Protein backbone atom coordinates (compact mmCIF):
# COMPACT_ATOMS: atom_id res chain seq x y z
CA MET A 1 -15.17 -54.96 -27.37
CA PRO A 2 -14.60 -52.36 -30.11
CA ASP A 3 -12.40 -53.22 -33.05
CA PRO A 4 -9.00 -51.43 -32.67
CA GLN A 5 -8.78 -51.06 -36.44
CA ALA A 6 -11.97 -48.99 -36.38
CA TYR A 7 -10.32 -46.29 -34.22
CA PRO A 8 -6.83 -45.71 -35.68
CA LEU A 9 -6.55 -42.20 -34.19
CA GLU A 10 -7.24 -43.43 -30.67
CA LYS A 11 -4.67 -46.19 -31.19
CA LEU A 12 -2.11 -43.59 -32.34
CA PHE A 13 -2.66 -41.40 -29.25
CA LEU A 14 -2.49 -44.45 -26.98
CA ASN A 15 0.85 -45.43 -28.56
CA ILE A 16 2.18 -41.87 -28.13
CA SER A 17 1.09 -41.90 -24.49
CA LEU A 18 2.76 -45.26 -23.85
CA LYS A 19 5.98 -44.14 -25.52
CA ALA A 20 5.95 -40.94 -23.48
CA ARG A 21 5.72 -42.90 -20.23
CA MET A 22 8.48 -45.27 -21.34
CA LYS A 23 10.79 -42.39 -22.30
CA LYS A 24 10.41 -40.81 -18.90
CA ASN A 25 12.11 -43.88 -17.42
CA ILE A 26 15.18 -43.48 -19.65
CA GLY A 27 15.58 -39.73 -19.15
CA GLU A 28 14.25 -38.47 -22.46
CA HIS A 29 11.59 -35.78 -22.30
CA PRO A 30 8.25 -37.55 -22.76
CA TYR A 31 7.10 -35.19 -25.52
CA GLY A 32 10.49 -34.38 -27.02
CA ASP A 33 9.94 -36.32 -30.24
CA VAL A 34 6.44 -34.99 -30.83
CA GLY A 35 7.57 -31.43 -30.08
CA GLN A 36 10.50 -31.75 -32.48
CA LEU A 37 8.23 -33.04 -35.24
CA ILE A 38 5.67 -30.26 -34.75
CA LEU A 39 8.36 -27.57 -34.70
CA LEU A 40 9.98 -29.03 -37.83
CA ILE A 41 6.67 -28.88 -39.70
CA VAL A 42 5.98 -25.31 -38.53
CA PHE A 43 9.50 -24.20 -39.44
CA LEU A 44 9.35 -25.79 -42.90
CA ILE A 45 5.97 -24.22 -43.64
CA VAL A 46 7.19 -20.76 -42.60
CA TRP A 47 10.60 -21.14 -44.26
CA LEU A 48 9.24 -22.50 -47.55
CA GLY A 49 6.38 -20.01 -47.64
CA ASP A 50 8.52 -16.97 -46.89
CA SER A 51 11.60 -18.03 -48.85
CA PHE A 52 10.01 -19.19 -52.08
CA PHE A 53 6.47 -17.83 -52.29
CA TYR A 54 5.73 -14.65 -50.30
CA GLN A 55 9.30 -13.40 -49.78
CA LYS A 56 8.17 -10.87 -47.16
CA SER A 57 11.29 -11.05 -44.99
CA THR A 58 14.07 -12.31 -47.27
CA PHE A 59 15.29 -8.86 -48.33
CA LEU A 60 18.68 -9.43 -46.66
CA SER A 61 19.52 -12.14 -49.18
CA VAL A 62 20.54 -9.51 -51.75
CA TYR A 63 23.56 -8.65 -49.58
CA LEU A 64 24.98 -12.19 -49.60
CA PRO A 65 25.38 -13.88 -52.99
CA LEU A 66 23.48 -17.10 -53.56
CA TYR A 67 26.62 -19.17 -54.20
CA VAL A 68 28.04 -18.08 -50.80
CA ARG A 69 24.79 -19.00 -49.06
CA LEU A 70 24.70 -22.39 -50.79
CA VAL A 71 28.31 -23.17 -49.87
CA LEU A 72 27.56 -22.24 -46.25
CA LEU A 73 24.42 -24.38 -46.41
CA MET A 74 26.42 -27.41 -47.58
CA ILE A 75 29.12 -26.98 -44.93
CA ILE A 76 26.60 -26.51 -42.11
CA GLU A 77 24.43 -29.42 -43.24
CA ILE A 78 27.46 -31.75 -43.41
CA CYS A 79 28.35 -30.74 -39.85
CA ALA A 80 24.72 -31.23 -38.79
CA ILE A 81 24.53 -34.71 -40.31
CA SER A 82 27.81 -35.69 -38.66
CA LEU A 83 26.61 -34.56 -35.24
CA ILE A 84 23.22 -36.24 -35.65
CA ARG A 85 24.90 -39.52 -36.63
CA ALA A 86 27.27 -39.28 -33.65
CA GLY A 87 24.34 -38.66 -31.29
CA HIS A 88 22.28 -41.46 -32.80
CA ALA A 89 25.10 -43.91 -32.22
CA VAL A 90 24.31 -43.65 -28.50
CA VAL A 91 20.55 -43.33 -28.79
CA HIS A 92 20.16 -46.37 -31.04
CA ASP A 93 22.61 -48.68 -29.29
CA VAL A 94 21.16 -52.10 -28.54
CA GLU A 95 21.57 -51.38 -24.83
CA THR A 96 21.32 -48.07 -23.04
CA PRO A 97 24.84 -47.06 -21.99
CA LYS A 98 25.60 -47.78 -18.33
CA ASN A 99 28.07 -44.88 -18.06
CA ILE A 100 28.25 -41.33 -19.31
CA VAL A 101 29.37 -41.24 -22.94
CA THR A 102 32.31 -38.85 -23.24
CA SER A 103 33.86 -40.04 -26.49
CA GLY A 104 33.33 -38.98 -30.08
CA ALA A 105 31.20 -35.88 -30.50
CA PHE A 106 30.28 -36.07 -26.80
CA ARG A 107 33.85 -34.91 -26.03
CA PHE A 108 33.03 -31.52 -27.54
CA VAL A 109 29.35 -30.91 -26.66
CA ARG A 110 26.91 -32.59 -24.31
CA HIS A 111 24.08 -32.75 -26.85
CA PRO A 112 25.50 -33.46 -30.33
CA LEU A 113 22.21 -34.85 -31.62
CA TYR A 114 20.28 -31.74 -30.66
CA LEU A 115 23.10 -29.46 -31.85
CA GLY A 116 22.99 -31.23 -35.21
CA CYS A 117 19.25 -30.57 -35.44
CA ILE A 118 19.79 -26.91 -34.53
CA LEU A 119 22.50 -26.61 -37.20
CA PHE A 120 20.10 -28.10 -39.74
CA TYR A 121 17.78 -25.15 -39.12
CA VAL A 122 20.68 -22.66 -39.16
CA GLY A 123 21.74 -23.95 -42.58
CA LEU A 124 18.27 -23.40 -43.98
CA LEU A 125 18.10 -19.96 -42.39
CA ILE A 126 21.39 -18.91 -43.96
CA SER A 127 20.39 -20.26 -47.36
CA THR A 128 17.53 -17.76 -47.73
CA LEU A 129 18.01 -15.31 -44.82
CA SER A 130 14.30 -15.41 -43.95
CA LEU A 131 13.63 -13.27 -40.89
CA LEU A 132 10.24 -14.89 -40.26
CA SER A 133 11.98 -18.26 -40.10
CA LEU A 134 14.50 -16.76 -37.68
CA ILE A 135 11.64 -15.96 -35.29
CA VAL A 136 10.41 -19.57 -35.47
CA PHE A 137 14.00 -20.75 -34.99
CA GLY A 138 14.17 -18.78 -31.72
CA GLY A 139 11.29 -20.88 -30.40
CA ILE A 140 12.95 -24.05 -31.69
CA PHE A 141 16.19 -23.23 -29.86
CA ILE A 142 14.28 -22.56 -26.64
CA PHE A 143 12.55 -25.94 -27.01
CA TYR A 144 15.81 -27.83 -27.61
CA ASN A 145 17.43 -26.08 -24.67
CA TYR A 146 14.45 -27.05 -22.49
CA ILE A 147 14.52 -30.75 -23.42
CA ALA A 148 18.31 -30.86 -23.09
CA SER A 149 18.05 -29.36 -19.59
CA TYR A 150 15.34 -31.89 -18.73
CA GLU A 151 17.59 -34.76 -19.76
CA GLU A 152 20.53 -33.28 -17.87
CA LYS A 153 18.54 -33.25 -14.64
CA PHE A 154 17.85 -36.95 -15.12
CA LEU A 155 21.54 -37.65 -15.78
CA GLU A 156 22.59 -35.61 -12.72
CA GLU A 157 20.29 -37.71 -10.55
CA LYS A 158 21.54 -40.95 -12.11
CA PHE A 159 25.30 -40.24 -12.24
CA HIS A 160 25.69 -37.53 -9.55
CA GLU A 161 29.25 -36.18 -9.32
CA GLU A 162 30.45 -37.94 -12.47
CA TYR A 163 27.92 -36.03 -14.59
CA SER A 164 28.63 -32.75 -12.78
CA THR A 165 32.30 -33.13 -13.69
CA TYR A 166 31.36 -33.85 -17.31
CA GLU A 167 29.14 -30.73 -17.34
CA GLU A 168 32.01 -28.58 -16.10
CA LYS A 169 34.41 -29.89 -18.75
CA THR A 170 32.05 -30.09 -21.72
CA PRO A 171 29.93 -27.20 -23.03
CA LYS A 172 26.24 -27.67 -23.68
CA TRP A 173 26.07 -26.17 -27.19
CA VAL A 174 29.19 -24.38 -28.46
CA PRO A 175 32.42 -26.42 -28.51
CA ARG A 176 35.50 -24.79 -27.05
CA ILE A 177 38.16 -24.09 -29.63
CA ASN A 178 41.09 -24.78 -27.31
CA GLN A 179 39.63 -28.06 -25.97
CA ARG A 180 41.88 -31.10 -26.45
């Protein structure tokens, strides 16, 4: 029998495959985490390269002063961190919730964790106004919308009418201003 330490890459792919099968049973997209990591790396490479080295598509930044962009960055990142923490409270509970979570940030949007991640990218986009990064962000948003829809199908099958009612009351991405 071959030594598992001799093939660390095979072990890594086996672990990813096992985790993907396990996630399917709890409603998470099997490749959601890997996809998010890959897209984060691609975005950061494009954003850093365009914003600080090549500056091919950051010409709009001259129309919005740096201090305004940095203040917006701070506000958006604080909101993003808050939403990510609120979403993680459910994801990292000791037990998977038995009911639909409709409290906290889940009162305002159905996917606060994903919305927080999206806002993280928006903050970076605003900080340098890189148009190349905006193109990559479009793909990132499509990906997040896809995995959120995947998870919603699972929740609809698991909770039926209760989840449909929650979907009607609670927006997917943009909170309603007049919502109580």
